[in-house]
Amino acid sequence: MKSFRYLVPDGTYMADPAAHVFNGRLYIYPSHDIESGIKENDNGDHFDMRDYHVLSLETVDGPVTDHGVILDLEDIPWAGRQLWDSDCACKNGKYYVYFSLKDKNDVFHLGVAVSDKPEGPFIPQENPIKGSYSIDPCAFVEKGSHYLIFGGLWGGQLQRYRNNMAIECGKEPAGNEPALCPKIVRLSDDMLEFAEAPRDLVILDENGQPLKAGDHGRRFFEASWMHKYNGQYYFSYSTGDTHLLCYATSDNLYGPFTYQGVILTPVVGWTTHHSICEFKGKWYLFHHDSKPSSGRTWLRSLKVIELEYLPDGSIKTIPGQP
């Protein structure tokens, strides 16, 4: 597969695909876009998602199975509104969906729901994960330990925190100051809590200096994803208002990471969000755009394309609008 393929089941709109291989089958955990009727704004209030589905495929170019609703806003005891990005992890035969959701005070936290099957349904915990905040959890496993990488600016509320504590007047740093970092945290053995305080995942420039907040073409905005290729950790993310998917690499899961380049140039629509997954010997980029909905940024459709690594380990840039 060298060209884009849309993965749109029955004309519904989905975004933020987290792809994993479980039991030899490819599963995709997306958010679910609906026509909200809310005016578009920079805080993302028009993204009024209310449930999650899960999709699966036997082959990347084969039929897509929509397993239906696996978790509904109404079933989450602490729910306020907006089920944003999610991801899934497996441990000891159980599956854990980690999700972004605003509580009844309109503050984003991360939650977790559990199932015996990758296709759900998933049963949510009574409360959000203690000490969690912001959005976009990415689940990553390394040598039997499980981690979450998370965070997102603007509507994702990351700018409201410093050193894992809420601050009164949250805003982005000045342009010449270090950019806000995504967070990385190891999960407890039961997969339901943080086993440590979240740490900064620092991204450095070519001179070994942390990227600056004003470096909008390279600094982190949202959409964390971690994968490993040839012994190196690849952290990929969205730059948000400059609409790029970028990546950085490190020999250490906790970083620091060094910026390497662009994976995907801008697509139709404002947001860019993705995952990277190996399946049957090939690597794929899963993402979304708003082309099928005529560019309405809150109604997005899933896409997949094969990812190409060059001999030096770099990723070949894909044009978002071929």
C-alpha atoms as a PDB file:
ATOM      1  CA  MET A   1       0.000   0.000   0.000  1.00  0.00           C
ATOM      2  CA  LYS A   2       1.673   3.232  -1.188  1.00  0.00           C
ATOM      3  CA  SER A   3      -1.424   5.427  -1.427  1.00  0.00           C
ATOM      4  CA  PHE A   4      -3.993   6.632   1.106  1.00  0.00           C
ATOM      5  CA  ARG A   5      -6.950   4.458   1.977  1.00  0.00           C
ATOM      6  CA  TYR A   6      -9.965   5.829   3.832  1.00  0.00           C
ATOM      7  CA  LEU A   7     -11.313   3.664   6.649  1.00  0.00           C
ATOM      8  CA  VAL A   8     -14.764   5.224   6.994  1.00  0.00           C
ATOM      9  CA  PRO A   9     -17.416   2.736   8.139  1.00  0.00           C
ATOM     10  CA  ASP A  10     -20.903   3.470   6.813  1.00  0.00           C
ATOM     11  CA  GLY A  11     -20.220   7.186   6.376  1.00  0.00           C
ATOM     12  CA  THR A  12     -19.683   7.845  10.077  1.00  0.00           C
ATOM     13  CA  TYR A  13     -16.931  10.246  11.090  1.00  0.00           C
ATOM     14  CA  MET A  14     -14.025   9.166  13.265  1.00  0.00           C
ATOM     15  CA  ALA A  15     -10.606  10.600  14.103  1.00  0.00           C
ATOM     16  CA  ASP A  16      -7.489  10.207  16.272  1.00  0.00           C
ATOM     17  CA  PRO A  17      -6.855   6.539  15.377  1.00  0.00           C
ATOM     18  CA  ALA A  18      -4.780   4.471  17.828  1.00  0.00           C
ATOM     19  CA  ALA A  19      -3.785   1.258  16.031  1.00  0.00           C
ATOM     20  CA  HIS A  20      -2.568  -1.936  17.716  1.00  0.00           C
ATOM     21  CA  VAL A  21      -2.213  -5.598  16.816  1.00  0.00           C
ATOM     22  CA  PHE A  22      -3.969  -7.931  19.244  1.00  0.00           C
ATOM     23  CA  ASN A  23      -4.217 -11.678  18.616  1.00  0.00           C
ATOM     24  CA  GLY A  24      -2.961 -11.239  15.045  1.00  0.00           C
ATOM     25  CA  ARG A  25      -5.708  -8.780  14.117  1.00  0.00           C
ATOM     26  CA  LEU A  26      -5.403  -5.004  13.665  1.00  0.00           C
ATOM     27  CA  TYR A  27      -7.581  -2.950  16.004  1.00  0.00           C
ATOM     28  CA  ILE A  28      -8.153   0.802  15.730  1.00  0.00           C
ATOM     29  CA  TYR A  29      -9.407   2.880  18.656  1.00  0.00           C
ATOM     30  CA  PRO A  30     -10.664   6.235  17.300  1.00  0.00           C
ATOM     31  CA  SER A  31     -12.627   9.143  18.683  1.00  0.00           C
ATOM     32  CA  HIS A  32     -16.113   9.592  17.214  1.00  0.00           C
ATOM     33  CA  ASP A  33     -17.031  12.899  15.597  1.00  0.00           C
ATOM     34  CA  ILE A  34     -20.636  14.055  15.451  1.00  0.00           C
ATOM     35  CA  GLU A  35     -22.437  17.113  14.107  1.00  0.00           C
ATOM     36  CA  SER A  36     -22.544  19.121  17.340  1.00  0.00           C
ATOM     37  CA  GLY A  37     -24.110  22.386  16.189  1.00  0.00           C
ATOM     38  CA  ILE A  38     -21.526  24.273  18.266  1.00  0.00           C
ATOM     39  CA  LYS A  39     -19.612  27.104  16.614  1.00  0.00           C
ATOM     40  CA  GLU A  40     -15.979  26.235  15.875  1.00  0.00           C
ATOM     41  CA  ASN A  41     -13.383  27.797  18.197  1.00  0.00           C
ATOM     42  CA  ASP A  42      -9.738  27.374  19.264  1.00  0.00           C
ATOM     43  CA  ASN A  43     -10.696  25.506  22.447  1.00  0.00           C
ATOM     44  CA  GLY A  44     -12.360  22.765  20.416  1.00  0.00           C
ATOM     45  CA  ASP A  45     -15.826  23.027  21.962  1.00  0.00           C
ATOM     46  CA  HIS A  46     -17.283  21.888  18.627  1.00  0.00           C
ATOM     47  CA  PHE A  47     -15.621  18.476  19.125  1.00  0.00           C
ATOM     48  CA  ASP A  48     -18.541  17.178  21.200  1.00  0.00           C
ATOM     49  CA  MET A  49     -17.740  13.456  21.083  1.00  0.00           C
ATOM     50  CA  ARG A  50     -20.015  11.211  23.163  1.00  0.00           C
ATOM     51  CA  ASP A  51     -18.851   7.631  22.680  1.00  0.00           C
ATOM     52  CA  TYR A  52     -16.087   5.390  21.377  1.00  0.00           C
ATOM     53  CA  HIS A  53     -16.201   2.627  18.770  1.00  0.00           C
ATOM     54  CA  VAL A  54     -13.496   0.119  17.872  1.00  0.00           C
ATOM     55  CA  LEU A  55     -12.663  -1.003  14.339  1.00  0.00           C
ATOM     56  CA  SER A  56     -10.746  -4.094  13.269  1.00  0.00           C
ATOM     57  CA  LEU A  57      -9.223  -5.568  10.111  1.00  0.00           C
ATOM     58  CA  GLU A  58      -7.675  -8.883   9.084  1.00  0.00           C
ATOM     59  CA  THR A  59      -5.543  -7.074   6.482  1.00  0.00           C
ATOM     60  CA  VAL A  60      -4.877  -3.376   5.944  1.00  0.00           C
ATOM     61  CA  ASP A  61      -6.593  -3.424   2.553  1.00  0.00           C
ATOM     62  CA  GLY A  62      -9.428  -5.729   3.679  1.00  0.00           C
ATOM     63  CA  PRO A  63     -12.936  -5.076   5.023  1.00  0.00           C
ATOM     64  CA  VAL A  64     -13.295  -2.905   8.137  1.00  0.00           C
ATOM     65  CA  THR A  65     -15.432  -4.255  10.981  1.00  0.00           C
ATOM     66  CA  ASP A  66     -17.076  -1.683  13.234  1.00  0.00           C
ATOM     67  CA  HIS A  67     -17.669  -3.409  16.575  1.00  0.00           C
ATOM     68  CA  GLY A  68     -20.015  -0.649  17.683  1.00  0.00           C
ATOM     69  CA  VAL A  69     -20.016   1.428  20.862  1.00  0.00           C
ATOM     70  CA  ILE A  70     -17.476   0.181  23.401  1.00  0.00           C
ATOM     71  CA  LEU A  71     -17.848   3.040  25.907  1.00  0.00           C
ATOM     72  CA  ASP A  72     -20.512   5.737  26.222  1.00  0.00           C
ATOM     73  CA  LEU A  73     -20.302   9.095  27.986  1.00  0.00           C
ATOM     74  CA  GLU A  74     -23.442   8.260  29.981  1.00  0.00           C
ATOM     75  CA  ASP A  75     -21.764   5.183  31.489  1.00  0.00           C
ATOM     76  CA  ILE A  76     -18.833   7.105  33.025  1.00  0.00           C
ATOM     77  CA  PRO A  77     -19.662   8.230  36.582  1.00  0.00           C
ATOM     78  CA  TRP A  78     -17.390  11.274  36.602  1.00  0.00           C
ATOM     79  CA  ALA A  79     -18.221  12.464  33.071  1.00  0.00           C
ATOM     80  CA  GLY A  80     -18.856  16.043  32.100  1.00  0.00           C
ATOM     81  CA  ARG A  81     -18.433  16.284  28.313  1.00  0.00           C
ATOM     82  CA  GLN A  82     -16.124  15.630  25.363  1.00  0.00           C
ATOM     83  CA  LEU A  83     -14.646  12.153  25.000  1.00  0.00           C
ATOM     84  CA  TRP A  84     -11.480  13.111  23.150  1.00  0.00           C
ATOM     85  CA  ASP A  85      -8.571  10.916  22.062  1.00  0.00           C
ATOM     86  CA  SER A  86      -8.100   7.406  23.521  1.00  0.00           C
ATOM     87  CA  ASP A  87      -5.723   4.444  23.323  1.00  0.00           C
ATOM     88  CA  CYS A  88      -5.688   0.806  24.368  1.00  0.00           C
ATOM     89  CA  ALA A  89      -3.225  -1.538  26.085  1.00  0.00           C
ATOM     90  CA  CYS A  90      -3.273  -5.258  26.887  1.00  0.00           C
ATOM     91  CA  LYS A  91      -1.905  -7.005  29.979  1.00  0.00           C
ATOM     92  CA  ASN A  92      -2.519 -10.562  31.186  1.00  0.00           C
ATOM     93  CA  GLY A  93      -5.492 -11.078  28.910  1.00  0.00           C
ATOM     94  CA  LYS A  94      -7.296  -7.892  29.895  1.00  0.00           C
ATOM     95  CA  TYR A  95      -7.644  -4.745  27.783  1.00  0.00           C
ATOM     96  CA  TYR A  96      -7.479  -1.196  29.079  1.00  0.00           C
ATOM     97  CA  VAL A  97      -8.817   1.825  27.205  1.00  0.00           C
ATOM     98  CA  TYR A  98      -7.315   5.121  28.371  1.00  0.00           C
ATOM     99  CA  PHE A  99      -9.360   8.154  27.408  1.00  0.00           C
ATOM    100  CA  SER A 100      -9.540  11.958  27.653  1.00  0.00           C
ATOM    101  CA  LEU A 101     -12.667  13.443  29.217  1.00  0.00           C
ATOM    102  CA  LYS A 102     -13.759  16.644  30.932  1.00  0.00           C
ATOM    103  CA  ASP A 103     -15.180  16.228  34.415  1.00  0.00           C
ATOM    104  CA  LYS A 104     -18.256  18.060  35.690  1.00  0.00           C
ATOM    105  CA  ASN A 105     -16.096  21.182  36.267  1.00  0.00           C
ATOM    106  CA  ASP A 106     -14.974  21.193  32.607  1.00  0.00           C
ATOM    107  CA  VAL A 107     -11.435  20.066  33.501  1.00  0.00           C
ATOM    108  CA  PHE A 108      -9.796  17.384  31.378  1.00  0.00           C
ATOM    109  CA  HIS A 109      -8.507  14.232  33.075  1.00  0.00           C
ATOM    110  CA  LEU A 110      -7.546  10.765  31.889  1.00  0.00           C
ATOM    111  CA  GLY A 111      -9.785   7.811  32.607  1.00  0.00           C
ATOM    112  CA  VAL A 112      -9.504   4.064  32.176  1.00  0.00           C
ATOM    113  CA  ALA A 113     -12.025   1.366  31.274  1.00  0.00           C
ATOM    114  CA  VAL A 114     -11.469  -2.393  31.294  1.00  0.00           C
ATOM    115  CA  SER A 115     -12.606  -5.351  29.163  1.00  0.00           C
ATOM    116  CA  ASP A 116     -11.820  -9.027  28.613  1.00  0.00           C
ATOM    117  CA  LYS A 117     -11.859  -8.481  24.835  1.00  0.00           C
ATOM    118  CA  PRO A 118     -10.140  -5.954  22.555  1.00  0.00           C
ATOM    119  CA  GLU A 119     -13.505  -5.142  20.960  1.00  0.00           C
ATOM    120  CA  GLY A 120     -15.112  -4.450  24.343  1.00  0.00           C
ATOM    121  CA  PRO A 121     -17.475  -3.430  25.758  1.00  0.00           C
ATOM    122  CA  PHE A 122     -15.344  -1.603  28.328  1.00  0.00           C
ATOM    123  CA  ILE A 123     -16.348  -0.884  31.932  1.00  0.00           C
ATOM    124  CA  PRO A 124     -15.090   2.490  33.224  1.00  0.00           C
ATOM    125  CA  GLN A 125     -13.577   3.062  36.645  1.00  0.00           C
ATOM    126  CA  GLU A 126     -15.520   5.178  39.110  1.00  0.00           C
ATOM    127  CA  ASN A 127     -13.026   8.060  39.037  1.00  0.00           C
ATOM    128  CA  PRO A 128     -10.376   9.513  36.727  1.00  0.00           C
ATOM    129  CA  ILE A 129      -6.765   8.448  37.211  1.00  0.00           C
ATOM    130  CA  LYS A 130      -5.463  10.292  40.268  1.00  0.00           C
ATOM    131  CA  GLY A 131      -2.993  13.007  39.298  1.00  0.00           C
ATOM    132  CA  SER A 132      -3.978  12.958  35.617  1.00  0.00           C
ATOM    133  CA  TYR A 133      -4.690  16.018  33.514  1.00  0.00           C
ATOM    134  CA  SER A 134      -4.886  17.230  29.907  1.00  0.00           C
ATOM    135  CA  ILE A 135      -5.574  14.929  26.925  1.00  0.00           C
ATOM    136  CA  ASP A 136      -4.349  12.441  24.305  1.00  0.00           C
ATOM    137  CA  PRO A 137      -3.053   9.404  26.201  1.00  0.00           C
ATOM    138  CA  CYS A 138      -0.735   7.127  24.223  1.00  0.00           C
ATOM    139  CA  ALA A 139      -0.186   3.671  25.723  1.00  0.00           C
ATOM    140  CA  PHE A 140       3.259   2.113  25.278  1.00  0.00           C
ATOM    141  CA  VAL A 141       4.700  -1.139  26.631  1.00  0.00           C
ATOM    142  CA  GLU A 142       8.405  -1.795  27.168  1.00  0.00           C
ATOM    143  CA  LYS A 143       9.834  -4.951  28.755  1.00  0.00           C
ATOM    144  CA  GLY A 144       6.612  -5.694  30.599  1.00  0.00           C
ATOM    145  CA  SER A 145       6.121  -2.181  31.964  1.00  0.00           C
ATOM    146  CA  HIS A 146       3.335   0.031  30.636  1.00  0.00           C
ATOM    147  CA  TYR A 147       3.495   3.794  30.163  1.00  0.00           C
ATOM    148  CA  LEU A 148       1.260   6.675  29.147  1.00  0.00           C
ATOM    149  CA  ILE A 149       2.485   9.691  27.193  1.00  0.00           C
ATOM    150  CA  PHE A 150      -0.035  12.528  27.183  1.00  0.00           C
ATOM    151  CA  GLY A 151      -0.773  16.247  26.907  1.00  0.00           C
ATOM    152  CA  GLY A 152      -2.217  18.866  24.586  1.00  0.00           C
ATOM    153  CA  LEU A 153      -2.216  22.671  24.390  1.00  0.00           C
ATOM    154  CA  TRP A 154      -5.085  25.147  24.075  1.00  0.00           C
ATOM    155  CA  GLY A 155      -8.320  23.156  24.445  1.00  0.00           C
ATOM    156  CA  GLY A 156      -6.205  20.311  25.818  1.00  0.00           C
ATOM    157  CA  GLN A 157      -5.417  22.498  28.865  1.00  0.00           C
ATOM    158  CA  LEU A 158      -1.720  21.533  29.200  1.00  0.00           C
ATOM    159  CA  GLN A 159      -0.813  25.224  29.538  1.00  0.00           C
ATOM    160  CA  ARG A 160      -2.756  25.279  32.817  1.00  0.00           C
ATOM    161  CA  TYR A 161      -0.139  23.120  34.577  1.00  0.00           C
ATOM    162  CA  ARG A 162       3.448  23.393  35.758  1.00  0.00           C
ATOM    163  CA  ASN A 163       5.260  20.576  37.610  1.00  0.00           C
ATOM    164  CA  ASN A 164       2.021  18.552  37.569  1.00  0.00           C
ATOM    165  CA  MET A 165       0.184  21.267  39.512  1.00  0.00           C
ATOM    166  CA  ALA A 166      -2.630  23.486  38.259  1.00  0.00           C
ATOM    167  CA  ILE A 167      -1.781  27.188  38.122  1.00  0.00           C
ATOM    168  CA  GLU A 168      -4.162  30.119  38.338  1.00  0.00           C
ATOM    169  CA  CYS A 169      -3.467  31.833  35.025  1.00  0.00           C
ATOM    170  CA  GLY A 170      -2.368  29.150  32.648  1.00  0.00           C
ATOM    171  CA  LYS A 171      -0.828  30.246  29.379  1.00  0.00           C
ATOM    172  CA  GLU A 172       1.906  29.144  26.990  1.00  0.00           C
ATOM    173  CA  PRO A 173       5.473  30.301  27.747  1.00  0.00           C
ATOM    174  CA  ALA A 174       6.922  33.265  25.875  1.00  0.00           C
ATOM    175  CA  GLY A 175       8.270  32.490  22.428  1.00  0.00           C
ATOM    176  CA  ASN A 176      11.916  32.543  23.544  1.00  0.00           C
ATOM    177  CA  GLU A 177      11.283  30.221  26.510  1.00  0.00           C
ATOM    178  CA  PRO A 178      11.340  26.398  26.397  1.00  0.00           C
ATOM    179  CA  ALA A 179       8.164  24.901  24.966  1.00  0.00           C
ATOM    180  CA  LEU A 180       5.767  22.981  27.163  1.00  0.00           C
ATOM    181  CA  CYS A 181       6.539  19.283  27.042  1.00  0.00           C
ATOM    182  CA  PRO A 182       4.388  16.210  26.676  1.00  0.00           C
ATOM    183  CA  LYS A 183       4.323  14.065  29.805  1.00  0.00           C
ATOM    184  CA  ILE A 184       5.411  10.455  30.306  1.00  0.00           C
ATOM    185  CA  VAL A 185       4.443   8.273  33.261  1.00  0.00           C
ATOM    186  CA  ARG A 186       4.770   4.606  34.203  1.00  0.00           C
ATOM    187  CA  LEU A 187       1.541   2.847  35.117  1.00  0.00           C
ATOM    188  CA  SER A 188       0.947   0.770  38.244  1.00  0.00           C
ATOM    189  CA  ASP A 189       0.929  -3.022  38.011  1.00  0.00           C
ATOM    190  CA  ASP A 190      -2.885  -3.084  37.948  1.00  0.00           C
ATOM    191  CA  MET A 191      -2.862  -0.603  35.009  1.00  0.00           C
ATOM    192  CA  LEU A 192      -5.344   1.665  36.803  1.00  0.00           C
ATOM    193  CA  GLU A 193      -3.118   4.353  38.360  1.00  0.00           C
ATOM    194  CA  PHE A 194       0.138   6.241  37.886  1.00  0.00           C
ATOM    195  CA  ALA A 195       3.098   4.505  39.529  1.00  0.00           C
ATOM    196  CA  GLU A 196       5.092   7.754  39.633  1.00  0.00           C
ATOM    197  CA  ALA A 197       4.741  11.461  39.033  1.00  0.00           C
ATOM    198  CA  PRO A 198       4.534  12.349  35.321  1.00  0.00           C
ATOM    199  CA  ARG A 199       7.818  13.610  33.863  1.00  0.00           C
ATOM    200  CA  ASP A 200       8.572  16.014  31.031  1.00  0.00           C
ATOM    201  CA  LEU A 201       9.435  14.340  27.736  1.00  0.00           C
ATOM    202  CA  VAL A 202      11.889  16.951  26.466  1.00  0.00           C
ATOM    203  CA  ILE A 203      12.440  17.511  22.732  1.00  0.00           C
ATOM    204  CA  LEU A 204      15.786  19.033  21.747  1.00  0.00           C
ATOM    205  CA  ASP A 205      16.862  20.862  18.613  1.00  0.00           C
ATOM    206  CA  GLU A 206      19.934  20.016  16.513  1.00  0.00           C
ATOM    207  CA  ASN A 207      22.124  21.929  18.980  1.00  0.00           C
ATOM    208  CA  GLY A 208      20.929  19.970  21.996  1.00  0.00           C
ATOM    209  CA  GLN A 209      18.722  22.792  23.296  1.00  0.00           C
ATOM    210  CA  PRO A 210      15.039  22.345  24.231  1.00  0.00           C
ATOM    211  CA  LEU A 211      12.692  23.508  21.480  1.00  0.00           C
ATOM    212  CA  LYS A 212      11.322  26.977  22.144  1.00  0.00           C
ATOM    213  CA  ALA A 213       7.642  27.799  22.564  1.00  0.00           C
ATOM    214  CA  GLY A 214       7.844  30.127  19.561  1.00  0.00           C
ATOM    215  CA  ASP A 215       9.151  27.350  17.282  1.00  0.00           C
ATOM    216  CA  HIS A 216       5.657  26.524  16.039  1.00  0.00           C
ATOM    217  CA  GLY A 217       6.910  24.362  13.189  1.00  0.00           C
ATOM    218  CA  ARG A 218       8.609  21.910  15.555  1.00  0.00           C
ATOM    219  CA  ARG A 219       7.365  22.278  19.125  1.00  0.00           C
ATOM    220  CA  PHE A 220       4.888  19.832  20.669  1.00  0.00           C
ATOM    221  CA  PHE A 221       1.189  20.695  20.603  1.00  0.00           C
ATOM    222  CA  GLU A 222      -0.750  17.405  21.026  1.00  0.00           C
ATOM    223  CA  ALA A 223      -1.242  13.859  19.656  1.00  0.00           C
ATOM    224  CA  SER A 224       1.554  11.904  21.351  1.00  0.00           C
ATOM    225  CA  TRP A 225       2.591   8.564  19.869  1.00  0.00           C
ATOM    226  CA  MET A 226       5.527   6.328  20.749  1.00  0.00           C
ATOM    227  CA  HIS A 227       6.916   3.393  18.787  1.00  0.00           C
ATOM    228  CA  LYS A 228      10.232   1.575  18.583  1.00  0.00           C
ATOM    229  CA  TYR A 229      12.180   0.826  15.398  1.00  0.00           C
ATOM    230  CA  ASN A 230      15.618  -0.808  15.191  1.00  0.00           C
ATOM    231  CA  GLY A 231      16.254  -0.229  18.884  1.00  0.00           C
ATOM    232  CA  GLN A 232      15.415   3.497  18.779  1.00  0.00           C
ATOM    233  CA  TYR A 233      12.429   5.188  20.387  1.00  0.00           C
ATOM    234  CA  TYR A 234      10.423   7.345  17.989  1.00  0.00           C
ATOM    235  CA  PHE A 235       8.182   9.974  19.553  1.00  0.00           C
ATOM    236  CA  SER A 236       5.787  11.524  17.034  1.00  0.00           C
ATOM    237  CA  TYR A 237       3.343  14.354  17.604  1.00  0.00           C
ATOM    238  CA  SER A 238       1.307  17.180  16.102  1.00  0.00           C
ATOM    239  CA  THR A 239       2.517  20.788  15.964  1.00  0.00           C
ATOM    240  CA  GLY A 240      -1.101  21.964  16.120  1.00  0.00           C
ATOM    241  CA  ASP A 241      -1.462  25.409  14.586  1.00  0.00           C
ATOM    242  CA  THR A 242       1.175  24.669  11.913  1.00  0.00           C
ATOM    243  CA  HIS A 243      -0.590  21.396  11.027  1.00  0.00           C
ATOM    244  CA  LEU A 244       2.432  19.094  10.827  1.00  0.00           C
ATOM    245  CA  LEU A 245       3.131  15.618  12.156  1.00  0.00           C
ATOM    246  CA  CYS A 246       6.747  15.566  13.361  1.00  0.00           C
ATOM    247  CA  TYR A 247       9.018  13.090  15.105  1.00  0.00           C
ATOM    248  CA  ALA A 248      11.996  12.940  17.432  1.00  0.00           C
ATOM    249  CA  THR A 249      14.211  10.024  18.468  1.00  0.00           C
ATOM    250  CA  SER A 250      16.080   8.846  21.567  1.00  0.00           C
ATOM    251  CA  ASP A 251      17.968   5.881  22.998  1.00  0.00           C
ATOM    252  CA  ASN A 252      16.048   6.361  26.255  1.00  0.00           C
ATOM    253  CA  LEU A 253      12.280   6.081  26.666  1.00  0.00           C
ATOM    254  CA  TYR A 254      12.285   8.997  29.118  1.00  0.00           C
ATOM    255  CA  GLY A 255      14.366  11.071  26.711  1.00  0.00           C
ATOM    256  CA  PRO A 256      15.557  13.616  25.980  1.00  0.00           C
ATOM    257  CA  PHE A 257      14.469  13.226  22.352  1.00  0.00           C
ATOM    258  CA  THR A 258      16.085  14.986  19.395  1.00  0.00           C
ATOM    259  CA  TYR A 259      13.895  16.475  16.683  1.00  0.00           C
ATOM    260  CA  GLN A 260      14.334  14.712  13.326  1.00  0.00           C
ATOM    261  CA  GLY A 261      11.757  15.954  10.834  1.00  0.00           C
ATOM    262  CA  VAL A 262       8.244  15.885   9.389  1.00  0.00           C
ATOM    263  CA  ILE A 263       6.257  12.694   8.881  1.00  0.00           C
ATOM    264  CA  LEU A 264       3.141  14.233   7.330  1.00  0.00           C
ATOM    265  CA  THR A 265       2.539  17.669   5.808  1.00  0.00           C
ATOM    266  CA  PRO A 266      -0.814  19.428   6.409  1.00  0.00           C
ATOM    267  CA  VAL A 267      -4.054  17.647   5.540  1.00  0.00           C
ATOM    268  CA  VAL A 268      -7.520  19.036   4.794  1.00  0.00           C
ATOM    269  CA  GLY A 269      -8.888  20.351   8.076  1.00  0.00           C
ATOM    270  CA  TRP A 270      -7.313  21.980  11.119  1.00  0.00           C
ATOM    271  CA  THR A 271      -6.277  19.032  13.260  1.00  0.00           C
ATOM    272  CA  THR A 272      -3.717  16.287  12.687  1.00  0.00           C
ATOM    273  CA  HIS A 273      -3.598  13.171  14.845  1.00  0.00           C
ATOM    274  CA  HIS A 274      -2.140   9.746  14.181  1.00  0.00           C
ATOM    275  CA  SER A 275      -0.639   6.433  15.222  1.00  0.00           C
ATOM    276  CA  ILE A 276       2.150   4.278  13.775  1.00  0.00           C
ATOM    277  CA  CYS A 277       1.900   0.502  13.827  1.00  0.00           C
ATOM    278  CA  GLU A 278       3.706  -2.500  12.347  1.00  0.00           C
ATOM    279  CA  PHE A 279       1.360  -5.114  10.872  1.00  0.00           C
ATOM    280  CA  LYS A 280       2.351  -8.222   8.960  1.00  0.00           C
ATOM    281  CA  GLY A 281       5.883  -7.016   8.302  1.00  0.00           C
ATOM    282  CA  LYS A 282       5.059  -3.468   7.156  1.00  0.00           C
ATOM    283  CA  TRP A 283       4.751  -0.152   8.968  1.00  0.00           C
ATOM    284  CA  TYR A 284       1.693   2.068   8.569  1.00  0.00           C
ATOM    285  CA  LEU A 285       0.659   5.618   9.425  1.00  0.00           C
ATOM    286  CA  PHE A 286      -2.956   5.967  10.571  1.00  0.00           C
ATOM    287  CA  HIS A 287      -4.363   9.489  10.678  1.00  0.00           C
ATOM    288  CA  HIS A 288      -7.385  11.533   9.619  1.00  0.00           C
ATOM    289  CA  ASP A 289      -8.502  14.452   7.514  1.00  0.00           C
ATOM    290  CA  SER A 290     -11.714  16.360   6.829  1.00  0.00           C
ATOM    291  CA  LYS A 291     -11.881  15.933   3.069  1.00  0.00           C
ATOM    292  CA  PRO A 292     -14.994  13.669   2.968  1.00  0.00           C
ATOM    293  CA  SER A 293     -16.929  16.206   5.076  1.00  0.00           C
ATOM    294  CA  SER A 294     -15.943  19.063   2.730  1.00  0.00           C
ATOM    295  CA  GLY A 295     -13.330  20.427   5.104  1.00  0.00           C
ATOM    296  CA  ARG A 296     -15.444  20.749   8.254  1.00  0.00           C
ATOM    297  CA  THR A 297     -12.735  20.261  10.859  1.00  0.00           C
ATOM    298  CA  TRP A 298     -14.994  18.639  13.456  1.00  0.00           C
ATOM    299  CA  LEU A 299     -16.104  15.844  11.094  1.00  0.00           C
ATOM    300  CA  ARG A 300     -13.025  13.798  10.273  1.00  0.00           C
ATOM    301  CA  SER A 301     -12.367  10.525   8.481  1.00  0.00           C
ATOM    302  CA  LEU A 302      -9.725   7.877   9.138  1.00  0.00           C
ATOM    303  CA  LYS A 303      -6.937   7.166   6.658  1.00  0.00           C
ATOM    304  CA  VAL A 304      -4.003   4.780   6.398  1.00  0.00           C
ATOM    305  CA  ILE A 305      -0.867   4.755   4.264  1.00  0.00           C
ATOM    306  CA  GLU A 306       2.307   2.695   4.337  1.00  0.00           C
ATOM    307  CA  LEU A 307       5.223   4.333   6.163  1.00  0.00           C
ATOM    308  CA  GLU A 308       8.714   4.240   4.656  1.00  0.00           C
ATOM    309  CA  TYR A 309      11.959   4.236   6.652  1.00  0.00           C
ATOM    310  CA  LEU A 310      15.155   5.264   4.897  1.00  0.00           C
ATOM    311  CA  PRO A 311      18.435   3.329   5.462  1.00  0.00           C
ATOM    312  CA  ASP A 312      19.590   5.812   8.130  1.00  0.00           C
ATOM    313  CA  GLY A 313      16.405   5.251  10.149  1.00  0.00           C
ATOM    314  CA  SER A 314      14.747   8.508   9.147  1.00  0.00           C
ATOM    315  CA  ILE A 315      11.116   8.529   8.038  1.00  0.00           C
ATOM    316  CA  LYS A 316      10.259   9.624   4.520  1.00  0.00           C
ATOM    317  CA  THR A 317       7.919  12.630   4.579  1.00  0.00           C
ATOM    318  CA  ILE A 318       4.409  11.946   3.270  1.00  0.00           C
ATOM    319  CA  PRO A 319       2.449  14.738   1.547  1.00  0.00           C
ATOM    320  CA  GLY A 320      -0.823  15.239   3.395  1.00  0.00           C
ATOM    321  CA  GLN A 321      -2.705  16.357   0.286  1.00  0.00           C
ATOM    322  CA  PRO A 322      -1.381  14.299  -2.653  1.00  0.00           C
END
